[in-house]
Amino acid sequence: PLGYFIILMKPEVAGDFAFRQSFSAVPDPGWASEPDRTGDSVLHLRDPRYGWLHYLLPSSEAGNLATTLLKQVQEKATRGTNDNKN
């Protein structure tokens, strides 16, 4: 599959994401999550270009992702509430 060729490309894809760069995103992708047999989390994301992609997240990283997403949702809700006070 295409992903194996991308692994071989030079320069390599950066290990960490650089925030504030431009990118195109897939809006509202399908997703599902389930535990694997060790208790870690498998995150399934649907990309219309590549189909279903599967990521194994250690419990600590799954927790970090959950915390980050919850914080973003709460910040958006707070901004929305403050916007309505004017």
C-alpha atoms as a PDB file:
ATOM      1  CA  PRO A   1       0.000   0.000   0.000  1.00  0.00           C
ATOM      2  CA  LEU A   2       0.876   3.652  -0.404  1.00  0.00           C
ATOM      3  CA  GLY A   3       1.784   4.044   3.269  1.00  0.00           C
ATOM      4  CA  TYR A   4       4.793   1.761   2.901  1.00  0.00           C
ATOM      5  CA  PHE A   5       6.206   3.955   0.127  1.00  0.00           C
ATOM      6  CA  ILE A   6       5.713   7.070   2.238  1.00  0.00           C
ATOM      7  CA  ILE A   7       7.838   5.474   4.981  1.00  0.00           C
ATOM      8  CA  LEU A   8      10.723   5.200   2.494  1.00  0.00           C
ATOM      9  CA  MET A   9      10.511   8.822   1.310  1.00  0.00           C
ATOM     10  CA  LYS A  10      13.212  11.319   2.153  1.00  0.00           C
ATOM     11  CA  PRO A  11      13.081  13.609   3.995  1.00  0.00           C
ATOM     12  CA  GLU A  12      11.202  11.593   6.576  1.00  0.00           C
ATOM     13  CA  VAL A  13       7.951  12.822   8.047  1.00  0.00           C
ATOM     14  CA  ALA A  14       8.705  14.757  11.230  1.00  0.00           C
ATOM     15  CA  GLY A  15       8.160  12.866  14.469  1.00  0.00           C
ATOM     16  CA  ASP A  16       6.416  15.823  16.118  1.00  0.00           C
ATOM     17  CA  PHE A  17       3.761  18.049  14.574  1.00  0.00           C
ATOM     18  CA  ALA A  18       4.720  21.706  14.152  1.00  0.00           C
ATOM     19  CA  PHE A  19       1.720  23.773  15.264  1.00  0.00           C
ATOM     20  CA  ARG A  20       0.580  26.852  13.314  1.00  0.00           C
ATOM     21  CA  GLN A  21       1.600  25.385   9.933  1.00  0.00           C
ATOM     22  CA  SER A  22      -0.887  25.249   7.076  1.00  0.00           C
ATOM     23  CA  PHE A  23      -2.558  21.928   6.303  1.00  0.00           C
ATOM     24  CA  SER A  24      -5.677  20.502   4.763  1.00  0.00           C
ATOM     25  CA  ALA A  25      -7.866  18.382   7.007  1.00  0.00           C
ATOM     26  CA  VAL A  26     -10.546  15.782   6.389  1.00  0.00           C
ATOM     27  CA  PRO A  27     -13.733  17.242   7.914  1.00  0.00           C
ATOM     28  CA  ASP A  28     -15.603  15.126  10.444  1.00  0.00           C
ATOM     29  CA  PRO A  29     -13.977  11.755   9.708  1.00  0.00           C
ATOM     30  CA  GLY A  30     -15.605   8.538  10.776  1.00  0.00           C
ATOM     31  CA  TRP A  31     -13.950   7.035  13.808  1.00  0.00           C
ATOM     32  CA  ALA A  32     -14.219   4.227  16.300  1.00  0.00           C
ATOM     33  CA  SER A  33     -12.166   3.104  19.271  1.00  0.00           C
ATOM     34  CA  GLU A  34     -11.822  -0.195  21.073  1.00  0.00           C
ATOM     35  CA  PRO A  35      -9.457  -1.750  23.576  1.00  0.00           C
ATOM     36  CA  ASP A  36      -6.908  -4.223  22.311  1.00  0.00           C
ATOM     37  CA  ARG A  37      -6.179  -7.438  24.194  1.00  0.00           C
ATOM     38  CA  THR A  38      -3.584  -5.690  26.403  1.00  0.00           C
ATOM     39  CA  GLY A  39      -5.951  -2.899  27.445  1.00  0.00           C
ATOM     40  CA  ASP A  40      -4.392  -0.242  25.227  1.00  0.00           C
ATOM     41  CA  SER A  41      -6.650   1.609  22.785  1.00  0.00           C
ATOM     42  CA  VAL A  42      -7.032   1.072  19.065  1.00  0.00           C
ATOM     43  CA  LEU A  43      -8.229   4.215  17.294  1.00  0.00           C
ATOM     44  CA  HIS A  44      -9.775   3.696  13.848  1.00  0.00           C
ATOM     45  CA  LEU A  45     -10.041   6.809  11.638  1.00  0.00           C
ATOM     46  CA  ARG A  46     -11.700   6.854   8.211  1.00  0.00           C
ATOM     47  CA  ASP A  47      -9.863   8.816   5.553  1.00  0.00           C
ATOM     48  CA  PRO A  48     -11.818   9.041   2.266  1.00  0.00           C
ATOM     49  CA  ARG A  49      -8.526   8.849   0.345  1.00  0.00           C
ATOM     50  CA  TYR A  50      -6.986   5.848   2.134  1.00  0.00           C
ATOM     51  CA  GLY A  51      -9.852   4.056   3.840  1.00  0.00           C
ATOM     52  CA  TRP A  52      -9.751   3.046   7.485  1.00  0.00           C
ATOM     53  CA  LEU A  53      -6.459   3.749   9.269  1.00  0.00           C
ATOM     54  CA  HIS A  54      -5.707   2.067  12.580  1.00  0.00           C
ATOM     55  CA  TYR A  55      -3.575   3.385  15.434  1.00  0.00           C
ATOM     56  CA  LEU A  56      -2.563   1.588  18.614  1.00  0.00           C
ATOM     57  CA  LEU A  57      -2.323   4.059  21.490  1.00  0.00           C
ATOM     58  CA  PRO A  58      -0.773   3.107  24.830  1.00  0.00           C
ATOM     59  CA  SER A  59      -3.141   3.848  27.709  1.00  0.00           C
ATOM     60  CA  SER A  60      -1.117   6.907  28.743  1.00  0.00           C
ATOM     61  CA  GLU A  61      -1.343   8.444  25.258  1.00  0.00           C
ATOM     62  CA  ALA A  62      -5.047   7.606  24.954  1.00  0.00           C
ATOM     63  CA  GLY A  63      -5.529   9.456  28.249  1.00  0.00           C
ATOM     64  CA  ASN A  64      -3.516  12.422  26.987  1.00  0.00           C
ATOM     65  CA  LEU A  65      -5.617  12.530  23.803  1.00  0.00           C
ATOM     66  CA  ALA A  66      -8.866  12.354  25.792  1.00  0.00           C
ATOM     67  CA  THR A  67      -7.699  15.155  28.107  1.00  0.00           C
ATOM     68  CA  THR A  68      -6.615  17.360  25.192  1.00  0.00           C
ATOM     69  CA  LEU A  69      -9.869  16.883  23.272  1.00  0.00           C
ATOM     70  CA  LEU A  70     -11.989  17.512  26.371  1.00  0.00           C
ATOM     71  CA  LYS A  71     -10.038  20.701  27.117  1.00  0.00           C
ATOM     72  CA  GLN A  72     -10.598  21.946  23.546  1.00  0.00           C
ATOM     73  CA  VAL A  73     -14.342  21.241  23.755  1.00  0.00           C
ATOM     74  CA  GLN A  74     -14.606  22.998  27.123  1.00  0.00           C
ATOM     75  CA  GLU A  75     -12.644  26.024  25.863  1.00  0.00           C
ATOM     76  CA  LYS A  76     -14.935  26.290  22.828  1.00  0.00           C
ATOM     77  CA  ALA A  77     -18.010  26.086  25.069  1.00  0.00           C
ATOM     78  CA  THR A  78     -16.586  28.793  27.335  1.00  0.00           C
ATOM     79  CA  ARG A  79     -15.829  31.060  24.382  1.00  0.00           C
ATOM     80  CA  GLY A  80     -19.373  30.540  23.086  1.00  0.00           C
ATOM     81  CA  THR A  81     -20.832  31.453  26.475  1.00  0.00           C
ATOM     82  CA  ASN A  82     -18.674  34.582  26.721  1.00  0.00           C
ATOM     83  CA  ASP A  83     -19.618  35.609  23.174  1.00  0.00           C
ATOM     84  CA  ASN A  84     -23.320  35.531  24.110  1.00  0.00           C
ATOM     85  CA  LYS A  85     -22.852  37.929  27.081  1.00  0.00           C
ATOM     86  CA  ASN A  86     -22.397  40.986  24.838  1.00  0.00           C
END
